[in-house]
Amino acid sequence: MAGLRLGPLLRHVDWDTGGSATIWVEADRPCTAEVRCADGAGGSERTFQIAGHHYALVPVTGLTPGSSTAYEVLLDGVRVWPLPDSRFPPSTITTPAVSGPGRPGPELRITFGSCRQAAPPATGRRGPHGADALDTLAARLAADPEAVRPDLLLLLGDQVYADALSPETRRWLAARRDLREAPGAQVADYEEYTRLYYESWLDPEIRWLLSTVPSLQIFDDHDVIDDWNTSAAWLEEMRATPWWRERVLSGLMSYWVYQHLGNLSPAELAADGLYGAIRNTPDGTDLLRAFASAADADPGTVRWSYRRDFGRTRLLMVDTRAARVLAEHDRAMLDPAEQQWLRDNALAQHGGYDHLLIGSSLPWLMPPLIHDAETWNAALCRGERGPRWARIAEDLRRRSDLEHWAAFPASFAALTDLIEEVGTGPRAPATVCVLSGDVHHAYVAEPLIPSTARVFQLTCSPVHNSIHTAVKLGFRLGWSRTGRWLGRAFTRHGRTGRPPVSWRRTGGPWFGNQLMTLTLTGRSAHLRLDQARKKRKQAHLTPVLNRNLTPPQ
């Protein structure tokens, strides 16, 4: 009898018709996965195989717009979800009401964040990182049926940490191979990546949450390795090691299976030749491995970025890791094709949406001192001050994670220009928001540009991780007047000039495990920040920010 190894995860919910969704599962053997809804909707799909693991992305059709229906999962006709004696409410699929001409679309509530080191610490649930914000959100929603749920979870990178393992996973690896051999106590292959996803998504609260709230995801560096694709020199060194090829191919393969597929709509899945080929072969491992190999050798062969429209809100999720150009004199966060994709989708039907959201795991607007340091570092690395300074700067780039948009000055300028173009004129949306994580603190920043739209950098990180005191002090300094003064010294030494835009921090910095929620209603936008805090041995989400981003309509 087939068993449910992981999932279900509710991934895509159709905001155009309100009539369909997709649900991802992993089974322990080949089988037919079926979803049955209480209102009669449903769907089934045969599993496909990758490296001895069995997966299905089940299309669910016949859903009623503007409704919420409970569902169950069956494998070869046997119910496997909900779990026996589950303490959680039924998993449900909630669909939006379909708006008609002249009627406003439904309210959209997006909860987002990044950097979740999921494994329970050895000393208890709180552990060295404190309370898990996503876990705490799940517990609150499960305990209160009347609590308002997000319409979407946006997970902006570092969903798993391939290079920073829990004690339990280290012991599991040690029983599998000799950790004295490279890559040591880090993930080495596909099988070990599956362990990370089990550790993250089998947590009971998280498993229930992901089964009932749709999620969209994008990778950042730790999903593969710290500082992934930080520079050409870094990549050359990694490719010279005997273990890197298996690591990066396994990282891309597992990302495709566990995260990327669920980002796609049923129409996109139907048009995806690789997905179709893998579904129609007994074992898709070689096909997926060849795809990952091509993607690693030439990132232009694949697009990890994607677009979703939610009524009159457009979300563009941007790959800021694999699509980089690393040659020092041509460095770009996005290669030309990716940059054109971003521009085309931001400007398509311009005037046809009220809010533009750009999901970038790495923030566009950083603390000014850090921005200037990264621009200075990029200038030195390309030889602005000679080969000696270039060697020093490359070492500093890796040690200090100087690899955000500012470290790719041409890309920073291009994104700034695009945002100003989109946000200006009579067809401009009400808001343009860049949603980011990575930097282990939260803040709101606003550029000083003459736009019609309100423009924001909204950064929220971590969901469950920690930050060293010295780094925290560095971020505070980066936002200070003293930091701005120090930044000018960097620009003079690097001969970089001032940034093409100025900005100011209008919220934060906040430190802790946290989630931001953006609520969009018509042309109005509201932002909330919640931090997970312990009180009487119980974790609670405490609001630290409630703010209207736009004037009331």
Protein backbone atom coordinates (compact mmCIF):
# COMPACT_ATOMS: atom_id res chain seq x y z
CA MET A 1 0.00 0.00 0.00
CA ALA A 2 1.36 3.42 -0.97
CA GLY A 3 2.14 5.87 1.80
CA LEU A 4 2.35 9.67 1.88
CA ARG A 5 5.99 10.63 2.47
CA LEU A 6 5.64 14.41 2.24
CA GLY A 7 2.89 16.94 1.62
CA PRO A 8 0.30 17.75 0.60
CA LEU A 9 1.31 21.27 -0.42
CA LEU A 10 -1.33 23.56 -1.86
CA ARG A 11 0.55 25.45 -4.57
CA HIS A 12 -1.29 27.17 -7.42
CA VAL A 13 -4.79 28.60 -6.99
CA ASP A 14 -6.34 30.10 -10.12
CA TRP A 15 -7.19 33.79 -9.64
CA ASP A 16 -8.56 34.19 -13.17
CA THR A 17 -11.51 31.80 -12.85
CA GLY A 18 -11.42 30.69 -9.20
CA GLY A 19 -12.07 27.17 -10.45
CA SER A 20 -8.79 25.23 -10.19
CA ALA A 21 -5.72 24.56 -8.07
CA THR A 22 -2.70 22.25 -7.89
CA ILE A 23 -1.58 20.10 -4.95
CA TRP A 24 1.92 18.60 -4.67
CA VAL A 25 2.64 15.29 -2.91
CA GLU A 26 5.49 12.82 -2.48
CA ALA A 27 4.60 9.14 -2.10
CA ASP A 28 6.79 6.24 -1.03
CA ARG A 29 6.16 4.19 -4.22
CA PRO A 30 4.59 4.55 -7.67
CA CYS A 31 0.85 5.18 -7.42
CA THR A 32 -2.04 7.36 -8.49
CA ALA A 33 -2.52 10.43 -6.28
CA GLU A 34 -6.06 11.74 -6.01
CA VAL A 35 -7.54 14.85 -4.38
CA ARG A 36 -11.22 14.76 -3.39
CA CYS A 37 -12.93 17.93 -2.22
CA ALA A 38 -16.01 18.11 -0.03
CA ASP A 39 -17.86 20.12 -2.70
CA GLY A 40 -17.27 17.47 -5.38
CA ALA A 41 -14.25 19.04 -7.05
CA GLY A 42 -11.12 16.95 -7.47
CA GLY A 43 -8.45 15.49 -9.70
CA SER A 44 -5.89 12.72 -9.97
CA GLU A 45 -2.39 12.26 -11.35
CA ARG A 46 0.06 9.36 -11.71
CA THR A 47 3.34 9.84 -9.87
CA PHE A 48 6.63 10.44 -11.67
CA GLN A 49 9.98 9.16 -10.45
CA ILE A 50 13.21 11.02 -9.69
CA ALA A 51 16.16 9.24 -8.03
CA GLY A 52 13.93 6.60 -6.47
CA HIS A 53 11.40 9.14 -5.14
CA HIS A 54 7.82 9.44 -6.36
CA TYR A 55 5.98 12.74 -6.84
CA ALA A 56 2.75 14.08 -8.25
CA LEU A 57 1.39 17.56 -8.88
CA VAL A 58 -2.35 16.97 -8.89
CA PRO A 59 -4.57 19.38 -10.89
CA VAL A 60 -7.82 20.04 -9.03
CA THR A 61 -10.73 21.27 -11.16
CA GLY A 62 -14.40 22.05 -10.58
CA LEU A 63 -13.81 24.38 -7.63
CA THR A 64 -16.40 27.06 -6.88
CA PRO A 65 -15.15 30.67 -7.05
CA GLY A 66 -15.31 32.55 -3.76
CA SER A 67 -15.52 29.40 -1.65
CA SER A 68 -13.51 27.30 0.79
CA THR A 69 -13.72 23.52 0.62
CA ALA A 70 -12.03 20.80 2.65
CA TYR A 71 -10.11 18.13 0.78
CA GLU A 72 -8.51 14.75 1.33
CA VAL A 73 -5.67 12.96 -0.47
CA LEU A 74 -5.83 9.34 -1.59
CA LEU A 75 -3.06 7.14 -2.96
CA ASP A 76 -4.32 4.24 -5.07
CA GLY A 77 -7.77 4.83 -3.59
CA VAL A 78 -6.67 4.77 0.07
CA ARG A 79 -7.03 7.94 2.12
CA VAL A 80 -3.67 9.15 3.48
CA TRP A 81 -4.56 12.76 4.34
CA PRO A 82 -5.71 14.05 6.77
CA LEU A 83 -3.50 11.96 8.99
CA PRO A 84 -5.26 9.68 11.47
CA ASP A 85 -6.11 11.46 14.75
CA SER A 86 -4.91 14.80 13.35
CA ARG A 87 -5.23 17.68 15.82
CA PHE A 88 -5.44 20.23 13.03
CA PRO A 89 -8.49 21.60 11.22
CA PRO A 90 -9.26 20.13 7.81
CA SER A 91 -6.99 21.24 4.98
CA THR A 92 -8.93 23.49 2.65
CA ILE A 93 -8.68 25.11 -0.78
CA THR A 94 -9.93 28.69 -0.75
CA THR A 95 -10.70 30.29 -4.10
CA PRO A 96 -11.17 33.99 -4.88
CA ALA A 97 -14.42 35.47 -6.03
CA VAL A 98 -14.24 36.40 -9.69
CA SER A 99 -14.71 40.13 -10.25
CA GLY A 100 -16.67 41.41 -13.20
CA PRO A 101 -16.57 44.63 -15.22
CA GLY A 102 -16.84 47.69 -13.00
CA ARG A 103 -16.48 45.67 -9.82
CA PRO A 104 -13.36 45.73 -7.64
CA GLY A 105 -11.34 42.55 -7.41
CA PRO A 106 -11.06 40.57 -4.18
CA GLU A 107 -8.74 41.66 -1.41
CA LEU A 108 -5.30 40.04 -1.61
CA ARG A 109 -3.28 39.26 1.50
CA ILE A 110 0.34 38.13 0.99
CA THR A 111 2.55 37.01 3.88
CA PHE A 112 6.24 36.90 3.04
CA GLY A 113 9.72 36.37 4.45
CA SER A 114 12.91 34.38 3.93
CA CYS A 115 15.66 32.45 5.69
CA ARG A 116 14.04 29.62 7.62
CA GLN A 117 16.42 27.18 9.25
CA ALA A 118 13.72 24.71 10.06
CA ALA A 119 15.19 21.87 12.11
CA PRO A 120 14.24 21.88 15.78
CA PRO A 121 17.36 22.75 17.76
CA ALA A 122 18.80 20.14 20.06
CA THR A 123 17.79 22.05 23.21
CA GLY A 124 14.09 22.36 22.43
CA ARG A 125 11.78 24.17 20.10
CA ARG A 126 13.03 27.66 20.94
CA GLY A 127 16.70 26.80 20.56
CA PRO A 128 19.39 29.30 19.57
CA HIS A 129 17.21 30.96 16.92
CA GLY A 130 14.14 31.72 19.05
CA ALA A 131 10.55 31.02 18.06
CA ASP A 132 9.87 30.09 14.43
CA ALA A 133 7.65 32.78 12.87
CA LEU A 134 6.11 30.47 10.26
CA ASP A 135 5.49 27.75 12.83
CA THR A 136 3.89 30.33 15.13
CA LEU A 137 1.65 31.61 12.34
CA ALA A 138 0.52 28.05 11.64
CA ALA A 139 -0.27 27.42 15.29
CA ARG A 140 -2.33 30.62 15.51
CA LEU A 141 -4.34 29.83 12.38
CA ALA A 142 -4.95 26.23 13.49
CA ALA A 143 -6.11 27.32 16.94
CA ASP A 144 -8.51 30.02 15.73
CA PRO A 145 -10.87 29.09 12.89
CA GLU A 146 -11.94 32.76 12.66
CA ALA A 147 -8.39 34.08 12.20
CA VAL A 148 -7.79 35.78 8.86
CA ARG A 149 -5.56 33.60 6.70
CA PRO A 150 -3.11 34.81 4.07
CA ASP A 151 -4.17 34.25 0.50
CA LEU A 152 -0.55 33.46 -0.34
CA LEU A 153 2.73 32.60 1.36
CA LEU A 154 5.68 34.08 -0.51
CA LEU A 155 8.91 32.30 0.50
CA LEU A 156 11.80 34.43 -0.75
CA GLY A 157 14.76 32.09 -0.46
CA ASP A 158 16.76 29.87 1.88
CA GLN A 159 13.85 27.47 2.32
CA VAL A 160 16.54 24.86 3.10
CA TYR A 161 20.14 25.23 4.19
CA ALA A 162 22.39 22.84 2.29
CA ASP A 163 25.50 24.14 4.05
CA ALA A 164 24.30 24.54 7.66
CA LEU A 165 22.79 21.31 8.94
CA SER A 166 21.04 20.40 12.14
CA PRO A 167 22.67 17.95 14.58
CA GLU A 168 20.09 15.33 13.59
CA THR A 169 20.88 15.63 9.89
CA ARG A 170 24.61 15.55 10.56
CA ARG A 171 24.18 12.27 12.40
CA TRP A 172 22.10 10.93 9.50
CA LEU A 173 24.85 11.93 7.06
CA ALA A 174 27.54 10.37 9.26
CA ALA A 175 25.71 7.05 9.08
CA ARG A 176 25.66 7.35 5.29
CA ARG A 177 29.20 8.50 4.42
CA ASP A 178 32.52 9.65 5.89
CA LEU A 179 32.13 13.31 6.88
CA ARG A 180 35.91 13.75 6.87
CA GLU A 181 35.71 13.77 3.07
CA ALA A 182 34.46 16.82 1.16
CA PRO A 183 31.96 18.34 1.33
CA GLY A 184 31.94 17.18 4.94
CA ALA A 185 28.87 18.04 7.00
CA GLN A 186 27.05 19.56 4.04
CA VAL A 187 24.62 18.12 1.52
CA ALA A 188 26.35 16.18 -1.26
CA ASP A 189 23.63 14.70 -3.51
CA TYR A 190 19.94 14.49 -4.33
CA GLU A 191 19.11 11.98 -1.61
CA GLU A 192 20.61 14.26 1.01
CA TYR A 193 18.61 17.20 -0.33
CA THR A 194 15.40 15.23 0.17
CA ARG A 195 16.35 14.92 3.83
CA LEU A 196 16.40 18.74 4.14
CA TYR A 197 12.89 19.03 2.71
CA TYR A 198 11.59 16.32 5.03
CA GLU A 199 13.14 18.07 8.00
CA SER A 200 11.58 21.37 6.98
CA TRP A 201 8.13 20.36 5.75
CA LEU A 202 7.30 17.41 8.05
CA ASP A 203 7.13 19.74 11.05
CA PRO A 204 3.43 19.21 11.96
CA GLU A 205 2.44 22.89 12.05
CA ILE A 206 4.32 23.71 8.85
CA ARG A 207 2.91 20.65 7.08
CA TRP A 208 -0.64 21.69 7.89
CA LEU A 209 -0.01 25.35 6.98
CA LEU A 210 1.44 24.45 3.56
CA SER A 211 -1.50 22.13 2.92
CA THR A 212 -4.05 24.92 3.34
CA VAL A 213 -2.37 28.21 2.30
CA PRO A 214 -1.01 28.47 -1.27
CA SER A 215 2.74 29.12 -1.53
CA LEU A 216 5.11 30.53 -4.13
CA GLN A 217 8.86 30.11 -3.74
CA ILE A 218 12.22 31.16 -5.15
CA PHE A 219 15.73 30.07 -4.20
CA ASP A 220 18.55 32.07 -2.66
CA ASP A 221 22.13 31.03 -1.98
CA HIS A 222 21.73 28.61 0.95
CA ASP A 223 19.33 26.47 -1.07
CA VAL A 224 22.55 25.53 -2.89
CA ILE A 225 25.51 27.00 -0.94
CA ASP A 226 26.44 30.24 0.81
CA ASP A 227 27.48 32.97 -1.68
CA TRP A 228 26.28 30.93 -4.65
CA ASN A 229 27.50 32.67 -7.84
CA THR A 230 29.02 35.60 -5.99
CA SER A 231 31.78 36.07 -8.59
CA ALA A 232 33.56 34.51 -11.56
CA ALA A 233 36.59 33.69 -9.39
CA TRP A 234 34.36 31.97 -6.83
CA LEU A 235 32.65 29.88 -9.51
CA GLU A 236 35.98 28.87 -11.06
CA GLU A 237 37.27 27.68 -7.69
CA MET A 238 34.10 25.72 -6.94
CA ARG A 239 34.12 23.99 -10.31
CA ALA A 240 37.67 22.84 -9.62
CA THR A 241 36.56 20.86 -6.55
CA PRO A 242 35.62 17.17 -6.98
CA TRP A 243 32.26 17.49 -5.18
CA TRP A 244 30.75 20.70 -6.55
CA ARG A 245 29.20 19.33 -9.74
CA GLU A 246 27.11 16.75 -7.90
CA ARG A 247 26.11 19.36 -5.31
CA VAL A 248 24.90 22.00 -7.77
CA LEU A 249 23.13 19.52 -10.05
CA SER A 250 21.37 17.96 -7.06
CA GLY A 251 20.45 21.40 -5.77
CA LEU A 252 18.88 22.41 -9.08
CA MET A 253 17.15 19.05 -9.52
CA SER A 254 15.63 19.09 -6.04
CA TYR A 255 14.62 22.75 -6.42
CA TRP A 256 12.82 21.90 -9.66
CA VAL A 257 10.90 19.09 -7.98
CA TYR A 258 10.18 20.51 -4.53
CA GLN A 259 9.79 24.23 -5.24
CA HIS A 260 9.76 25.27 -8.91
CA LEU A 261 7.05 22.99 -10.33
CA GLY A 262 4.44 24.28 -7.91
CA ASN A 263 5.13 27.87 -8.98
CA LEU A 264 3.71 27.10 -12.43
CA SER A 265 0.10 27.32 -13.52
CA PRO A 266 -1.64 24.32 -15.12
CA ALA A 267 -1.27 26.00 -18.53
CA GLU A 268 2.47 26.52 -17.97
CA LEU A 269 2.84 22.92 -16.83
CA ALA A 270 1.05 21.69 -19.95
CA ALA A 271 3.48 23.67 -22.11
CA ASP A 272 6.59 22.55 -20.20
CA GLY A 273 8.37 19.97 -22.37
CA LEU A 274 10.59 18.68 -19.57
CA TYR A 275 7.65 18.12 -17.23
CA GLY A 276 5.75 16.30 -19.94
CA ALA A 277 8.71 14.09 -20.79
CA ILE A 278 9.37 13.18 -17.15
CA ARG A 279 5.71 12.29 -16.57
CA ASN A 280 5.78 9.98 -19.59
CA THR A 281 8.88 7.97 -18.69
CA PRO A 282 9.25 5.33 -15.96
CA ASP A 283 12.24 7.14 -14.45
CA GLY A 284 12.88 10.82 -15.15
CA THR A 285 16.19 11.06 -13.29
CA ASP A 286 18.42 11.21 -16.35
CA LEU A 287 16.18 13.76 -18.07
CA LEU A 288 16.16 16.04 -15.05
CA ARG A 289 19.88 15.64 -14.51
CA ALA A 290 20.57 16.61 -18.13
CA PHE A 291 18.35 19.66 -17.67
CA ALA A 292 20.20 20.68 -14.48
CA SER A 293 23.56 20.16 -16.17
CA ALA A 294 22.55 22.42 -19.06
CA ALA A 295 21.19 25.03 -16.64
CA ASP A 296 24.45 25.06 -14.69
CA ALA A 297 26.61 25.28 -17.81
CA ASP A 298 24.46 27.95 -19.48
CA PRO A 299 21.89 29.68 -17.23
CA GLY A 300 20.26 31.14 -20.33
CA THR A 301 18.80 27.72 -21.16
CA VAL A 302 16.29 27.91 -18.29
CA ARG A 303 14.10 30.54 -16.67
CA TRP A 304 13.42 30.20 -12.97
CA SER A 305 11.69 33.61 -12.79
CA TYR A 306 7.92 33.66 -13.18
CA ARG A 307 4.88 35.93 -13.24
CA ARG A 308 1.57 35.63 -11.43
CA ASP A 309 -1.39 37.98 -11.73
CA PHE A 310 -3.84 38.13 -8.82
CA GLY A 311 -6.72 40.19 -10.10
CA ARG A 312 -5.24 43.67 -10.50
CA THR A 313 -2.02 42.83 -8.67
CA ARG A 314 1.00 41.60 -10.64
CA LEU A 315 3.81 39.61 -9.03
CA LEU A 316 7.14 39.16 -10.80
CA MET A 317 9.40 36.70 -8.99
CA VAL A 318 12.97 37.27 -10.15
CA ASP A 319 15.87 34.82 -10.15
CA THR A 320 18.77 36.81 -8.65
CA ARG A 321 21.14 33.81 -8.32
CA ALA A 322 21.36 31.55 -11.35
CA ALA A 323 20.78 34.27 -13.99
CA ARG A 324 23.85 36.35 -13.11
CA VAL A 325 26.59 37.49 -15.47
CA LEU A 326 29.83 37.14 -13.50
CA ALA A 327 32.55 38.48 -15.82
CA GLU A 328 34.00 41.40 -13.84
CA HIS A 329 33.68 44.01 -16.58
CA ASP A 330 30.17 42.88 -17.56
CA ARG A 331 28.73 41.94 -14.16
CA ALA A 332 24.95 41.85 -14.07
CA MET A 333 22.42 40.56 -11.58
CA LEU A 334 20.30 39.45 -14.55
CA ASP A 335 21.56 38.33 -17.93
CA PRO A 336 20.20 40.29 -20.95
CA ALA A 337 17.34 37.87 -21.62
CA GLU A 338 16.29 37.86 -17.98
CA GLN A 339 16.47 41.66 -17.80
CA GLN A 340 14.29 41.89 -20.91
CA TRP A 341 11.81 39.40 -19.42
CA LEU A 342 11.52 41.58 -16.31
CA ARG A 343 11.01 44.72 -18.36
CA ASP A 344 8.50 43.15 -20.74
CA ASN A 345 6.36 41.76 -17.92
CA ALA A 346 6.51 44.93 -15.83
CA LEU A 347 5.29 47.01 -18.79
CA ALA A 348 2.82 44.51 -20.31
CA GLN A 349 -0.74 45.84 -19.99
CA HIS A 350 0.71 48.88 -18.23
CA GLY A 351 -2.27 50.55 -16.62
CA GLY A 352 -4.05 47.21 -16.29
CA TYR A 353 -2.93 46.56 -12.72
CA ASP A 354 -3.09 48.52 -9.46
CA HIS A 355 -0.03 47.09 -7.74
CA LEU A 356 3.28 45.77 -9.04
CA LEU A 357 5.21 43.44 -6.74
CA ILE A 358 8.78 42.47 -7.61
CA GLY A 359 9.96 39.48 -5.61
CA SER A 360 13.75 39.60 -5.27
CA SER A 361 15.42 37.45 -2.64
CA LEU A 362 18.11 40.17 -2.40
CA PRO A 363 17.03 43.72 -1.49
CA TRP A 364 17.22 46.48 -4.07
CA LEU A 365 17.61 49.30 -1.52
CA MET A 366 20.06 48.50 1.29
CA PRO A 367 21.45 50.46 4.24
CA PRO A 368 23.35 53.30 2.48
CA LEU A 369 26.75 52.39 3.94
CA ILE A 370 26.39 48.80 2.73
CA HIS A 371 25.24 49.96 -0.69
CA ASP A 372 28.29 52.22 -1.05
CA ALA A 373 30.61 49.48 0.25
CA GLU A 374 29.28 47.02 -2.32
CA THR A 375 29.61 49.49 -5.20
CA TRP A 376 33.15 50.34 -4.04
CA ASN A 377 34.00 46.66 -3.77
CA ALA A 378 32.70 45.96 -7.29
CA ALA A 379 34.89 48.79 -8.66
CA LEU A 380 37.98 47.43 -6.94
CA CYS A 381 37.29 43.87 -8.09
CA ARG A 382 37.22 45.00 -11.71
CA GLY A 383 40.61 46.67 -11.24
CA GLU A 384 39.75 50.32 -10.61
CA ARG A 385 42.61 50.55 -8.09
CA GLY A 386 44.93 47.93 -9.56
CA PRO A 387 45.50 44.16 -9.14
CA ARG A 388 46.49 44.28 -5.46
CA TRP A 389 43.27 46.02 -4.47
CA ALA A 390 41.36 43.63 -6.73
CA ARG A 391 42.68 40.61 -4.80
CA ILE A 392 41.83 42.24 -1.46
CA ALA A 393 38.36 43.17 -2.68
CA GLU A 394 37.56 39.65 -3.93
CA ASP A 395 38.42 38.22 -0.51
CA LEU A 396 36.32 40.89 1.19
CA ARG A 397 33.40 40.27 -1.16
CA ARG A 398 33.20 36.65 -0.08
CA ARG A 399 33.81 37.24 3.62
CA SER A 400 31.24 40.04 3.87
CA ASP A 401 28.55 38.85 1.41
CA LEU A 402 28.91 41.94 -0.77
CA GLU A 403 26.68 40.65 -3.56
CA HIS A 404 23.35 42.47 -3.53
CA TRP A 405 21.99 44.71 -6.31
CA ALA A 406 24.52 47.42 -5.39
CA ALA A 407 27.35 44.98 -6.22
CA PHE A 408 26.03 44.96 -9.80
CA PRO A 409 25.85 48.73 -10.43
CA ALA A 410 24.48 48.54 -13.97
CA SER A 411 21.72 46.19 -12.85
CA PHE A 412 20.88 48.43 -9.89
CA ALA A 413 20.54 51.39 -12.25
CA ALA A 414 18.44 49.38 -14.73
CA LEU A 415 16.03 48.21 -12.02
CA THR A 416 15.77 51.76 -10.68
CA ASP A 417 15.00 53.12 -14.15
CA LEU A 418 12.39 50.42 -14.75
CA ILE A 419 10.64 51.08 -11.46
CA GLU A 420 10.56 54.82 -12.18
CA GLU A 421 9.20 54.19 -15.68
CA VAL A 422 6.47 51.87 -14.43
CA GLY A 423 5.57 54.17 -11.56
CA THR A 424 5.28 57.40 -13.53
CA GLY A 425 2.42 58.80 -15.56
CA PRO A 426 -1.37 58.49 -15.73
CA ARG A 427 -1.29 54.69 -16.14
CA ALA A 428 0.98 54.10 -13.14
CA PRO A 429 -0.10 51.61 -10.48
CA ALA A 430 -0.84 52.80 -6.97
CA THR A 431 2.25 51.04 -5.60
CA VAL A 432 5.45 49.39 -6.77
CA CYS A 433 6.89 47.20 -4.02
CA VAL A 434 10.14 45.23 -4.07
CA LEU A 435 9.73 42.30 -1.65
CA SER A 436 12.99 40.88 -0.30
CA GLY A 437 14.69 38.99 2.51
CA ASP A 438 18.25 37.68 2.99
CA VAL A 439 19.70 40.33 5.31
CA HIS A 440 18.34 39.04 8.66
CA HIS A 441 16.47 42.17 9.58
CA ALA A 442 13.32 43.92 8.45
CA TYR A 443 12.82 47.47 7.22
CA VAL A 444 10.86 49.75 4.94
CA ALA A 445 12.71 52.10 2.57
CA GLU A 446 11.40 54.59 0.03
CA PRO A 447 13.33 55.99 -2.95
CA LEU A 448 13.28 59.70 -3.64
CA ILE A 449 12.09 59.56 -7.23
CA PRO A 450 9.43 61.69 -8.96
CA SER A 451 6.97 58.85 -9.47
CA THR A 452 3.19 58.83 -9.48
CA ALA A 453 3.13 55.49 -7.68
CA ARG A 454 4.25 55.00 -4.11
CA VAL A 455 7.46 52.94 -4.29
CA PHE A 456 8.72 50.78 -1.43
CA GLN A 457 11.49 48.37 -0.57
CA LEU A 458 9.90 45.92 1.87
CA THR A 459 12.46 43.59 3.44
CA CYS A 460 11.64 40.82 5.92
CA SER A 461 14.12 38.27 7.24
CA PRO A 462 14.62 35.88 8.93
CA VAL A 463 11.63 33.60 9.46
CA HIS A 464 13.71 31.38 11.75
CA ASN A 465 17.38 32.11 12.13
CA SER A 466 19.71 34.33 14.13
CA ILE A 467 22.01 37.28 13.63
CA HIS A 468 25.31 37.96 15.36
CA THR A 469 25.47 41.06 17.53
CA ALA A 470 28.33 42.48 15.46
CA VAL A 471 26.32 42.14 12.25
CA LYS A 472 23.30 43.74 13.92
CA LEU A 473 25.45 46.70 14.97
CA GLY A 474 26.79 46.89 11.41
CA PHE A 475 23.29 47.17 9.97
CA ARG A 476 22.37 49.87 12.47
CA LEU A 477 25.52 51.76 11.53
CA GLY A 478 24.67 51.28 7.87
CA TRP A 479 21.39 53.17 8.31
CA SER A 480 22.90 55.98 10.42
CA ARG A 481 24.19 59.42 9.46
CA THR A 482 27.68 58.26 10.38
CA GLY A 483 27.23 55.35 7.98
CA ARG A 484 26.25 57.69 5.17
CA TRP A 485 29.39 59.74 5.81
CA LEU A 486 31.56 56.60 5.74
CA GLY A 487 29.86 55.52 2.54
CA ARG A 488 30.95 58.70 0.81
CA ALA A 489 34.56 57.82 1.66
CA PHE A 490 34.08 54.48 -0.11
CA THR A 491 32.69 56.17 -3.21
CA ARG A 492 35.63 58.57 -3.37
CA HIS A 493 38.20 55.78 -3.05
CA GLY A 494 36.44 53.57 -5.60
CA ARG A 495 35.70 56.47 -7.95
CA THR A 496 32.14 55.24 -8.23
CA GLY A 497 30.16 58.47 -7.86
CA ARG A 498 26.84 58.69 -6.07
CA PRO A 499 24.02 56.15 -6.65
CA PRO A 500 21.50 57.00 -9.38
CA VAL A 501 18.79 57.35 -6.73
CA SER A 502 18.60 58.40 -3.08
CA TRP A 503 16.35 56.73 -0.53
CA ARG A 504 15.34 56.95 3.09
CA ARG A 505 14.41 54.38 5.68
CA THR A 506 10.83 54.91 6.82
CA GLY A 507 10.50 51.86 9.07
CA GLY A 508 12.83 49.69 11.13
CA PRO A 509 15.32 48.21 11.41
CA TRP A 510 13.65 45.36 13.27
CA PHE A 511 15.56 42.28 14.41
CA GLY A 512 14.00 38.91 15.23
CA ASN A 513 12.08 36.07 13.61
CA GLN A 514 9.35 37.80 11.64
CA LEU A 515 6.86 37.90 8.80
CA MET A 516 5.47 40.80 6.80
CA THR A 517 1.90 40.81 5.47
CA LEU A 518 0.89 43.07 2.61
CA THR A 519 -2.86 43.56 2.16
CA LEU A 520 -4.01 45.03 -1.14
CA THR A 521 -7.58 46.27 -1.58
CA GLY A 522 -8.39 48.19 -4.74
CA ARG A 523 -5.64 50.80 -5.00
CA SER A 524 -4.99 50.74 -1.24
CA ALA A 525 -2.08 48.93 0.43
CA HIS A 526 -1.51 48.10 4.08
CA LEU A 527 1.60 46.61 5.67
CA ARG A 528 1.91 44.65 8.89
CA LEU A 529 5.01 43.17 10.52
CA ASP A 530 4.70 40.43 13.13
CA GLN A 531 7.52 39.03 15.26
CA ALA A 532 7.49 35.60 16.91
CA ARG A 533 8.13 35.98 20.62
CA LYS A 534 7.99 33.63 23.59
CA LYS A 535 5.66 34.41 26.48
CA ARG A 536 5.07 31.93 29.28
CA LYS A 537 6.74 29.22 27.19
CA GLN A 538 4.31 29.81 24.33
CA ALA A 539 5.21 31.47 21.04
CA HIS A 540 3.03 34.35 19.88
CA LEU A 541 3.05 36.66 16.88
CA THR A 542 3.36 40.22 18.15
CA PRO A 543 2.57 43.09 15.76
CA VAL A 544 5.35 45.68 15.64
CA LEU A 545 4.12 47.60 12.58
CA ASN A 546 0.67 48.44 11.22
CA ARG A 547 0.88 51.00 8.45
CA ASN A 548 -1.11 52.20 5.47
CA LEU A 549 1.26 52.51 2.50
CA THR A 550 -1.27 54.51 0.50
CA PRO A 551 -3.81 57.19 1.48
CA PRO A 552 -7.24 55.69 2.24
CA GLN A 553 -9.36 55.42 -0.91
